């Protein structure tokens, strides 16, 4: 494995971990806001959850396409 491939894998792992933390923290904040009865904050945290899941889905889709194209080239 070349150095740039290792850096790419590490960057992908960092992005995945950051997205996972984003979603989990947003879900926890959403649950907290709902238990406190704060509807406005709950709406904002729900938006954060949706954005995090959408970004994760896009990254997953791009990753699959890249992996598939690399597999067909080799």
C-alpha atoms as a PDB file:
ATOM      1  CA  UNK A   1       0.000   0.000   0.000  1.00  0.00           C
ATOM      2  CA  UNK A   2       1.321   3.399  -0.886  1.00  0.00           C
ATOM      3  CA  UNK A   3       1.477   6.294   1.514  1.00  0.00           C
ATOM      4  CA  UNK A   4      -1.367   8.136  -0.241  1.00  0.00           C
ATOM      5  CA  UNK A   5      -3.633   5.086  -0.010  1.00  0.00           C
ATOM      6  CA  UNK A   6      -2.928   4.831   3.711  1.00  0.00           C
ATOM      7  CA  UNK A   7      -3.756   8.519   4.110  1.00  0.00           C
ATOM      8  CA  UNK A   8      -6.965   8.003   2.133  1.00  0.00           C
ATOM      9  CA  UNK A   9      -8.028   5.115   4.347  1.00  0.00           C
ATOM     10  CA  UNK A  10      -7.233   7.105   7.493  1.00  0.00           C
ATOM     11  CA  UNK A  11      -9.179  10.110   6.191  1.00  0.00           C
ATOM     12  CA  UNK A  12     -12.162   7.893   5.376  1.00  0.00           C
ATOM     13  CA  UNK A  13     -12.058   6.363   8.853  1.00  0.00           C
ATOM     14  CA  UNK A  14     -11.873   9.813  10.443  1.00  0.00           C
ATOM     15  CA  UNK A  15     -14.824  11.021   8.368  1.00  0.00           C
ATOM     16  CA  UNK A  16     -16.837   7.932   9.296  1.00  0.00           C
ATOM     17  CA  UNK A  17     -16.101   8.372  12.990  1.00  0.00           C
ATOM     18  CA  UNK A  18     -16.976  12.075  12.852  1.00  0.00           C
ATOM     19  CA  UNK A  19     -20.291  11.339  11.133  1.00  0.00           C
ATOM     20  CA  UNK A  20     -21.114   8.635  13.661  1.00  0.00           C
ATOM     21  CA  UNK A  21     -20.375  10.987  16.567  1.00  0.00           C
ATOM     22  CA  UNK A  22     -22.429  13.758  14.880  1.00  0.00           C
ATOM     23  CA  UNK A  23     -25.464  11.471  14.548  1.00  0.00           C
ATOM     24  CA  UNK A  24     -25.230   9.961  18.044  1.00  0.00           C
ATOM     25  CA  UNK A  25     -24.770  13.333  19.767  1.00  0.00           C
ATOM     26  CA  UNK A  26     -27.607  14.859  17.739  1.00  0.00           C
ATOM     27  CA  UNK A  27     -29.891  11.961  18.665  1.00  0.00           C
ATOM     28  CA  UNK A  28     -28.996  12.333  22.335  1.00  0.00           C
ATOM     29  CA  UNK A  29     -29.681  16.079  22.186  1.00  0.00           C
ATOM     30  CA  UNK A  30     -32.979  15.411  20.406  1.00  0.00           C
ATOM     31  CA  UNK A  31     -34.100  12.979  23.092  1.00  0.00           C
ATOM     32  CA  UNK A  32     -33.040  15.418  25.815  1.00  0.00           C
ATOM     33  CA  UNK A  33     -34.951  18.285  24.185  1.00  0.00           C
ATOM     34  CA  UNK A  34     -38.040  16.120  23.787  1.00  0.00           C
ATOM     35  CA  UNK A  35     -37.963  15.053  27.444  1.00  0.00           C
ATOM     36  CA  UNK A  36     -37.658  18.700  28.505  1.00  0.00           C
ATOM     37  CA  UNK A  37     -40.566  19.697  26.262  1.00  0.00           C
ATOM     38  CA  UNK A  38     -38.519  22.151  24.210  1.00  0.00           C
ATOM     39  CA  UNK A  39     -40.064  21.819  20.768  1.00  0.00           C
ATOM     40  CA  UNK A  40     -37.949  24.462  19.064  1.00  0.00           C
ATOM     41  CA  UNK A  41     -34.670  22.859  20.143  1.00  0.00           C
ATOM     42  CA  UNK A  42     -36.032  19.416  19.256  1.00  0.00           C
ATOM     43  CA  UNK A  43     -36.737  20.625  15.733  1.00  0.00           C
ATOM     44  CA  UNK A  44     -33.200  21.919  15.337  1.00  0.00           C
ATOM     45  CA  UNK A  45     -31.695  18.683  16.663  1.00  0.00           C
ATOM     46  CA  UNK A  46     -33.968  16.629  14.399  1.00  0.00           C
ATOM     47  CA  UNK A  47     -32.645  18.656  11.469  1.00  0.00           C
ATOM     48  CA  UNK A  48     -29.082  17.908  12.614  1.00  0.00           C
ATOM     49  CA  UNK A  49     -29.897  14.183  12.705  1.00  0.00           C
ATOM     50  CA  UNK A  50     -31.400  14.277   9.211  1.00  0.00           C
ATOM     51  CA  UNK A  51     -28.406  16.188   7.831  1.00  0.00           C
ATOM     52  CA  UNK A  52     -25.984  13.733   9.438  1.00  0.00           C
ATOM     53  CA  UNK A  53     -27.821  10.708   8.062  1.00  0.00           C
ATOM     54  CA  UNK A  54     -28.045  12.322   4.607  1.00  0.00           C
ATOM     55  CA  UNK A  55     -24.313  13.070   4.539  1.00  0.00           C
ATOM     56  CA  UNK A  56     -23.537   9.530   5.721  1.00  0.00           C
ATOM     57  CA  UNK A  57     -25.750   8.092   2.971  1.00  0.00           C
ATOM     58  CA  UNK A  58     -24.038  10.202   0.311  1.00  0.00           C
ATOM     59  CA  UNK A  59     -20.583   9.204   1.566  1.00  0.00           C
ATOM     60  CA  UNK A  60     -21.643   5.535   1.611  1.00  0.00           C
ATOM     61  CA  UNK A  61     -22.977   5.783  -1.953  1.00  0.00           C
ATOM     62  CA  UNK A  62     -19.816   7.484  -3.238  1.00  0.00           C
ATOM     63  CA  UNK A  63     -17.644   4.928  -1.459  1.00  0.00           C
ATOM     64  CA  UNK A  64     -19.518   2.049  -3.051  1.00  0.00           C
ATOM     65  CA  UNK A  65     -19.207   3.586  -6.510  1.00  0.00           C
ATOM     66  CA  UNK A  66     -15.483   4.170  -6.081  1.00  0.00           C
ATOM     67  CA  UNK A  67     -14.929   0.632  -4.790  1.00  0.00           C
ATOM     68  CA  UNK A  68     -16.975  -0.837  -7.633  1.00  0.00           C
ATOM     69  CA  UNK A  69     -15.083   1.120 -10.283  1.00  0.00           C
ATOM     70  CA  UNK A  70     -11.740   0.119  -8.789  1.00  0.00           C
ATOM     71  CA  UNK A  71     -12.802  -3.528  -8.731  1.00  0.00           C
ATOM     72  CA  UNK A  72     -13.750  -3.465 -12.408  1.00  0.00           C
ATOM     73  CA  UNK A  73     -10.437  -1.839 -13.363  1.00  0.00           C
ATOM     74  CA  UNK A  74      -8.369  -4.546 -11.682  1.00  0.00           C
END
